[in-house]
Protein backbone atom coordinates (compact mmCIF):
# COMPACT_ATOMS: atom_id res chain seq x y z
CA MET A 1 -15.30 3.84 -19.10
CA SER A 2 -13.35 6.57 -18.32
CA TYR A 3 -10.39 6.01 -20.64
CA GLY A 4 -12.99 5.64 -23.86
CA ARG A 5 -13.74 9.32 -23.84
CA ILE A 6 -10.03 9.80 -23.65
CA GLN A 7 -9.57 7.46 -26.73
CA GLY A 8 -12.40 9.39 -28.14
CA HIS A 9 -10.02 12.71 -28.00
CA LEU A 10 -7.33 11.12 -29.20
CA SER A 11 -8.88 9.78 -32.50
CA ARG A 12 -10.30 12.99 -33.52
CA GLY A 13 -6.80 14.88 -32.68
CA GLU A 14 -8.72 16.94 -29.85
CA MET A 15 -7.14 18.56 -27.23
CA VAL A 16 -6.59 16.72 -23.83
CA LEU A 17 -5.78 18.48 -20.74
CA LEU A 18 -3.67 16.76 -17.83
CA ASP A 19 -3.38 17.58 -14.65
CA GLY A 20 -0.39 19.59 -13.38
CA GLY A 21 2.30 18.63 -10.70
CA VAL A 22 0.96 16.26 -8.09
CA GLY A 23 4.16 16.28 -5.99
CA THR A 24 5.06 19.73 -6.17
CA GLU A 25 1.24 21.32 -5.54
CA ILE A 26 1.61 18.67 -2.38
CA TYR A 27 4.84 20.32 -1.29
CA ARG A 28 3.49 23.74 -1.79
CA ARG A 29 0.66 23.45 0.43
CA GLY A 30 3.10 22.22 3.30
CA VAL A 31 2.75 18.64 3.46
CA TYR A 32 6.37 17.18 3.09
CA TRP A 33 7.92 13.79 1.93
CA ARG A 34 9.19 12.65 5.57
CA SER A 35 5.05 13.06 6.82
CA ASN A 36 4.05 11.37 3.65
CA GLY A 37 0.97 13.02 2.30
CA ILE A 38 -0.50 9.85 1.34
CA GLU A 39 -0.62 8.58 4.86
CA ARG A 40 -0.51 11.43 7.05
CA ASN A 41 -2.34 14.15 5.24
CA PRO A 42 -5.17 12.44 2.32
CA GLU A 43 -6.97 15.24 2.59
CA VAL A 44 -4.24 17.32 1.17
CA VAL A 45 -3.24 14.58 -1.73
CA ARG A 46 -7.29 14.22 -2.30
CA GLN A 47 -7.92 18.28 -2.47
CA VAL A 48 -5.12 18.36 -5.36
CA HIS A 49 -6.78 16.28 -7.75
CA ALA A 50 -10.20 17.77 -6.83
CA ASP A 51 -8.89 21.19 -7.66
CA TYR A 52 -7.12 20.36 -10.88
CA ILE A 53 -10.39 18.50 -12.08
CA ALA A 54 -11.93 21.54 -11.11
CA ALA A 55 -9.89 23.27 -13.19
CA GLY A 56 -10.87 21.23 -15.81
CA ALA A 57 -8.59 18.61 -16.46
CA ASP A 58 -9.52 15.70 -18.40
CA VAL A 59 -6.71 13.09 -16.78
CA ILE A 60 -5.39 13.30 -13.01
CA THR A 61 -2.30 11.68 -11.85
CA THR A 62 -1.74 9.53 -9.30
CA ASN A 63 0.64 10.57 -6.50
CA THR A 64 3.30 7.36 -6.88
CA PHE A 65 6.20 8.97 -8.44
CA GLN A 66 8.89 7.01 -7.31
CA LEU A 67 7.00 5.16 -4.65
CA THR A 68 8.44 1.67 -5.45
CA ARG A 69 9.81 -0.80 -2.87
CA ARG A 70 13.49 0.27 -4.10
CA SER A 71 12.92 3.74 -2.64
CA TYR A 72 12.75 2.72 0.33
CA LEU A 73 15.46 -0.09 0.24
CA ASN A 74 17.86 2.66 -1.01
CA LEU A 75 18.07 4.06 2.53
CA PHE A 76 19.41 0.84 3.75
CA HIS A 77 22.00 -1.63 2.87
CA ASP A 78 20.17 -4.31 1.85
CA ILE A 79 16.86 -6.15 2.32
CA GLU A 80 18.10 -7.94 5.57
CA HIS A 81 19.28 -4.75 7.12
CA MET A 82 16.03 -2.68 6.67
CA ARG A 83 14.23 -5.76 8.36
CA HIS A 84 16.64 -5.63 11.02
CA ILE A 85 16.83 -1.82 12.04
CA GLY A 86 13.75 -0.44 9.98
CA PRO A 87 9.98 -0.08 11.06
CA GLU A 88 8.12 -3.28 11.20
CA GLY A 89 6.51 -3.76 7.50
CA LEU A 90 8.55 -1.11 5.73
CA GLU A 91 9.49 -3.89 2.88
CA ASN A 92 5.57 -3.85 2.40
CA LYS A 93 4.84 0.09 2.53
CA ALA A 94 5.04 1.53 -1.00
CA GLU A 95 2.39 -0.91 -2.32
CA MET A 96 0.23 -0.11 0.62
CA LEU A 97 1.00 3.47 -0.22
CA VAL A 98 0.33 2.92 -3.69
CA ARG A 99 -2.90 1.27 -3.43
CA ARG A 100 -4.25 4.57 -1.24
CA ALA A 101 -3.02 6.71 -3.70
CA VAL A 102 -5.10 5.64 -5.98
CA GLU A 103 -8.04 5.60 -3.85
CA LEU A 104 -7.71 9.09 -3.36
CA ALA A 105 -7.72 10.22 -6.30
CA ARG A 106 -10.84 7.87 -7.33
CA GLU A 107 -12.32 9.76 -4.09
CA ALA A 108 -11.90 13.06 -5.38
CA ARG A 109 -12.97 11.89 -9.02
CA GLU A 110 -16.09 10.57 -7.18
CA GLN A 111 -16.85 14.39 -6.09
CA PHE A 112 -17.25 15.45 -9.61
CA ARG A 113 -18.81 12.36 -10.83
CA SER A 114 -22.19 14.58 -11.63
CA ALA A 115 -20.73 17.57 -12.16
CA THR A 116 -18.67 17.01 -15.00
CA ALA A 117 -19.55 16.82 -18.31
CA GLY A 118 -17.55 13.50 -18.39
CA GLU A 119 -15.53 11.61 -16.26
CA VAL A 120 -11.84 12.13 -15.82
CA ALA A 121 -9.78 9.55 -16.13
CA ILE A 122 -6.89 8.41 -13.51
CA ALA A 123 -3.61 7.90 -14.61
CA GLY A 124 -1.14 5.09 -12.86
CA SER A 125 2.19 7.49 -12.44
CA ILE A 126 5.13 5.11 -12.85
CA SER A 127 8.83 7.02 -12.89
CA PRO A 128 12.28 5.61 -13.29
CA LEU A 129 13.22 3.68 -10.80
CA GLN A 130 16.56 5.13 -9.46
CA HIS A 131 17.06 9.02 -9.51
CA CYS A 132 14.69 10.66 -12.32
CA PHE A 133 17.04 13.15 -13.37
CA ARG A 134 20.50 10.27 -13.64
CA PRO A 135 19.64 8.21 -16.30
CA GLN A 136 23.17 6.34 -15.51
CA LEU A 137 21.57 5.16 -12.42
CA ALA A 138 19.18 2.78 -14.25
CA PRO A 139 19.56 -0.89 -13.00
CA PRO A 140 19.68 -3.75 -15.04
CA ASN A 141 17.19 -5.06 -17.61
CA ASP A 142 16.17 -7.56 -15.26
CA GLU A 143 15.56 -5.55 -12.15
CA LEU A 144 13.67 -3.05 -14.09
CA ARG A 145 11.46 -5.95 -15.57
CA THR A 146 10.44 -7.46 -12.26
CA GLU A 147 10.08 -4.27 -10.37
CA HIS A 148 8.09 -2.33 -12.92
CA ALA A 149 6.16 -5.32 -12.77
CA GLU A 150 5.24 -5.08 -9.60
CA THR A 151 4.14 -1.23 -9.85
CA ILE A 152 2.13 -2.03 -12.33
CA GLN A 153 0.26 -4.66 -11.52
CA GLN A 154 -0.27 -2.42 -8.23
CA LEU A 155 -1.99 0.09 -10.03
CA LYS A 156 -4.11 -2.31 -12.49
CA GLU A 157 -5.62 -3.78 -9.18
CA SER A 158 -6.53 -0.76 -7.77
CA GLY A 159 -8.16 0.83 -10.24
CA VAL A 160 -6.20 3.14 -12.35
CA ASP A 161 -7.88 3.28 -16.41
CA PHE A 162 -4.34 3.62 -18.02
CA LEU A 163 -0.57 3.54 -17.20
CA LEU A 164 1.48 6.84 -17.79
CA LEU A 165 5.26 6.11 -17.65
CA GLU A 166 6.29 9.77 -17.09
CA THR A 167 9.85 11.26 -16.39
CA MET A 168 11.37 8.04 -18.43
CA ASN A 169 15.09 9.43 -18.99
CA ASN A 170 17.13 7.09 -20.95
CA ILE A 171 15.65 4.91 -23.81
CA ARG A 172 16.62 1.62 -22.29
CA GLU A 173 14.47 1.75 -19.23
CA ALA A 174 11.68 3.17 -21.16
CA VAL A 175 11.31 0.27 -23.66
CA VAL A 176 11.67 -2.31 -21.06
CA ALA A 177 8.83 -0.37 -18.78
CA SER A 178 6.85 -0.11 -22.08
CA ASP A 179 7.15 -3.86 -22.63
CA VAL A 180 5.89 -4.42 -19.34
CA ALA A 181 3.04 -2.29 -19.72
CA ARG A 182 2.03 -3.65 -22.67
CA THR A 183 1.62 -7.01 -21.00
CA SER A 184 -1.09 -5.45 -18.33
CA ASN A 185 -3.60 -4.95 -21.03
CA LEU A 186 -3.89 -1.28 -20.06
CA PRO A 187 -3.93 1.59 -22.24
CA PHE A 188 -0.38 3.28 -21.39
CA TRP A 189 1.48 6.18 -22.45
CA VAL A 190 5.30 7.28 -22.46
CA SER A 191 6.51 10.62 -21.37
CA PHE A 192 10.36 11.42 -21.39
CA ALA A 193 11.93 14.24 -19.35
CA VAL A 194 14.21 16.49 -21.85
CA ARG A 195 17.32 18.97 -20.98
CA GLU A 196 19.13 21.52 -23.18
CA GLY A 197 18.97 20.81 -26.77
CA GLY A 198 15.62 19.05 -26.79
CA LYS A 199 17.55 15.68 -26.02
CA LEU A 200 16.66 13.37 -23.25
CA LEU A 201 18.47 13.54 -20.06
CA SER A 202 20.58 10.67 -21.40
CA ARG A 203 21.33 12.69 -24.60
CA GLU A 204 19.56 10.40 -26.70
CA SER A 205 17.08 12.14 -29.52
CA VAL A 206 13.30 12.43 -28.38
CA ALA A 207 12.16 11.04 -32.06
CA GLY A 208 14.78 7.96 -31.30
CA ALA A 209 13.60 7.08 -27.94
CA ALA A 210 9.76 7.59 -29.81
CA LYS A 211 10.80 4.89 -32.60
CA ALA A 212 12.24 2.52 -29.66
CA VAL A 213 8.77 2.19 -27.77
CA GLU A 214 6.37 2.62 -30.71
CA PRO A 215 6.78 -1.13 -31.09
CA TYR A 216 4.80 -1.70 -27.64
CA GLY A 217 1.87 0.25 -28.49
CA PRO A 218 1.69 3.18 -26.40
CA GLU A 219 -0.97 5.49 -27.10
CA ALA A 220 0.75 8.80 -26.55
CA ILE A 221 4.18 9.90 -26.44
CA LEU A 222 4.77 12.99 -24.10
CA VAL A 223 7.85 15.61 -22.89
CA ASN A 224 8.18 17.05 -19.36
CA CYS A 225 10.05 18.16 -16.96
CA GLY A 226 11.87 20.95 -18.93
CA PRO A 227 11.64 24.88 -19.49
CA ILE A 228 9.17 25.84 -22.29
CA GLU A 229 12.52 26.43 -24.32
CA ASP A 230 13.43 22.87 -24.39
CA ILE A 231 10.11 21.15 -24.35
CA THR A 232 9.60 23.52 -27.85
CA LEU A 233 12.92 22.64 -29.18
CA ALA A 234 12.29 18.58 -28.58
CA LEU A 235 8.90 18.80 -29.85
CA SER A 236 9.86 20.41 -32.85
CA ARG A 237 12.47 17.73 -33.43
CA SER A 238 10.34 14.86 -33.06
CA ALA A 239 6.71 15.58 -34.04
CA ALA A 240 7.13 14.03 -37.14
CA THR A 241 8.65 10.84 -36.10
CA ILE A 242 5.56 10.57 -33.56
CA ARG A 243 2.98 10.99 -35.74
CA GLN A 244 4.36 8.86 -38.55
CA ALA A 245 4.04 5.86 -35.89
CA GLY A 246 0.67 6.83 -35.28
CA ASN A 247 0.97 7.95 -31.82
CA THR A 248 -0.50 10.97 -30.43
CA LEU A 249 2.16 14.26 -29.37
CA PHE A 250 1.23 15.83 -26.30
CA PHE A 251 3.46 18.12 -24.03
CA ARG A 252 3.43 18.16 -20.36
CA ALA A 253 5.63 21.61 -19.61
CA LEU A 254 7.26 22.45 -16.30
CA LEU A 255 5.83 26.11 -16.21
CA ARG A 256 8.38 28.11 -13.87
CA PRO A 257 6.85 29.31 -10.72
CA THR A 258 8.97 32.53 -10.38
CA LYS A 259 7.17 33.64 -13.68
CA PHE A 260 3.19 33.59 -12.40
CA PRO A 261 1.98 35.18 -9.29
CA ARG A 262 2.18 32.56 -6.62
CA LYS A 263 -1.49 32.80 -6.05
CA ASN A 264 -2.03 31.40 -9.49
CA ILE A 265 0.74 28.74 -9.16
CA SER A 266 -2.13 26.47 -7.85
CA PRO A 267 -5.67 26.38 -9.42
CA PRO A 268 -7.98 27.45 -6.13
CA PRO A 269 -10.92 25.32 -5.68
CA GLY A 270 -14.06 26.51 -7.61
CA ASN A 271 -12.11 29.08 -9.40
CA GLY A 272 -9.08 27.29 -11.15
CA GLN A 273 -10.96 26.60 -14.67
CA PRO A 274 -9.71 30.00 -16.19
CA TRP A 275 -6.67 30.02 -14.71
CA ALA A 276 -5.65 26.38 -15.82
CA ARG A 277 -7.13 27.14 -19.67
CA ARG A 278 -5.44 30.39 -20.04
CA SER A 279 -2.45 29.28 -18.96
CA LEU A 280 -2.37 26.41 -21.05
CA ALA A 281 -3.47 27.84 -24.18
CA ALA A 282 -1.09 30.38 -23.73
CA VAL A 283 1.59 27.46 -23.76
CA ALA A 284 0.20 25.74 -26.53
CA GLU A 285 0.21 29.04 -28.82
CA ARG A 286 3.72 29.85 -28.30
CA LEU A 287 4.45 25.78 -29.13
CA ARG A 288 2.12 26.31 -32.54
CA LEU A 289 0.22 23.06 -31.10
CA THR A 290 -2.91 22.45 -32.91
CA SER A 291 -5.53 19.94 -32.52
CA ARG A 292 -3.93 17.85 -35.81
CA HIS A 293 -0.98 17.46 -33.95
């Protein structure tokens, strides 16, 4: 089982390499949301996954960030308005694309199955239901529970190895999503977006967020979507709390493209692994992370 290999790394306190930004890299290759890469340019999405595997990633993430029924419904007054003026079948579009996104990740992994030392794990990406940088927009708990359950079930049925609740911007939604993820019987990780001062975008502490989701059993707590300085501060303030809870602490930092030559933003096919290792090693050294963390 793919995730069993990851669990082994975690239990031994070893480093696990995640992929980088998926949607950002797809966009960099000239595919935009309005043409939807999953549907119209699947070869680009598949190649992004494949390039990250070639670069040495232990985990690749499905291109399903904010791919929900709500994302489409937000463009209309309500569901009846969508049915009245929207394209036929639009209310089921998100589910179709979620399932196809998982297929593309699985196809990319299959290309490398015989060439890699171990099978790469596929994380099913689940984002906040509303704008990921605006925690005040989080819906009521009953809506959070229902809609996160939809996406989690779609990802599970499509064959992801575990769930990644990423860019969570407030404790309340993270707790509800974690509770739903627990009932799926899939392993899950929770990642929080941070801001200046090393806090969540809701201005709640990362340590407080880790304590809130810990009872639901995430196997790892992460921080993401922030400059290295904010990531560093968030980790330094929360690492002890997270380790005391028995979780593994990761970082998934947003590396500012302006600090790197454009040719090195994306790991090129067949030549990406050294880039990934050098960049991640430099970040890890700066954050003073060791395998004991």
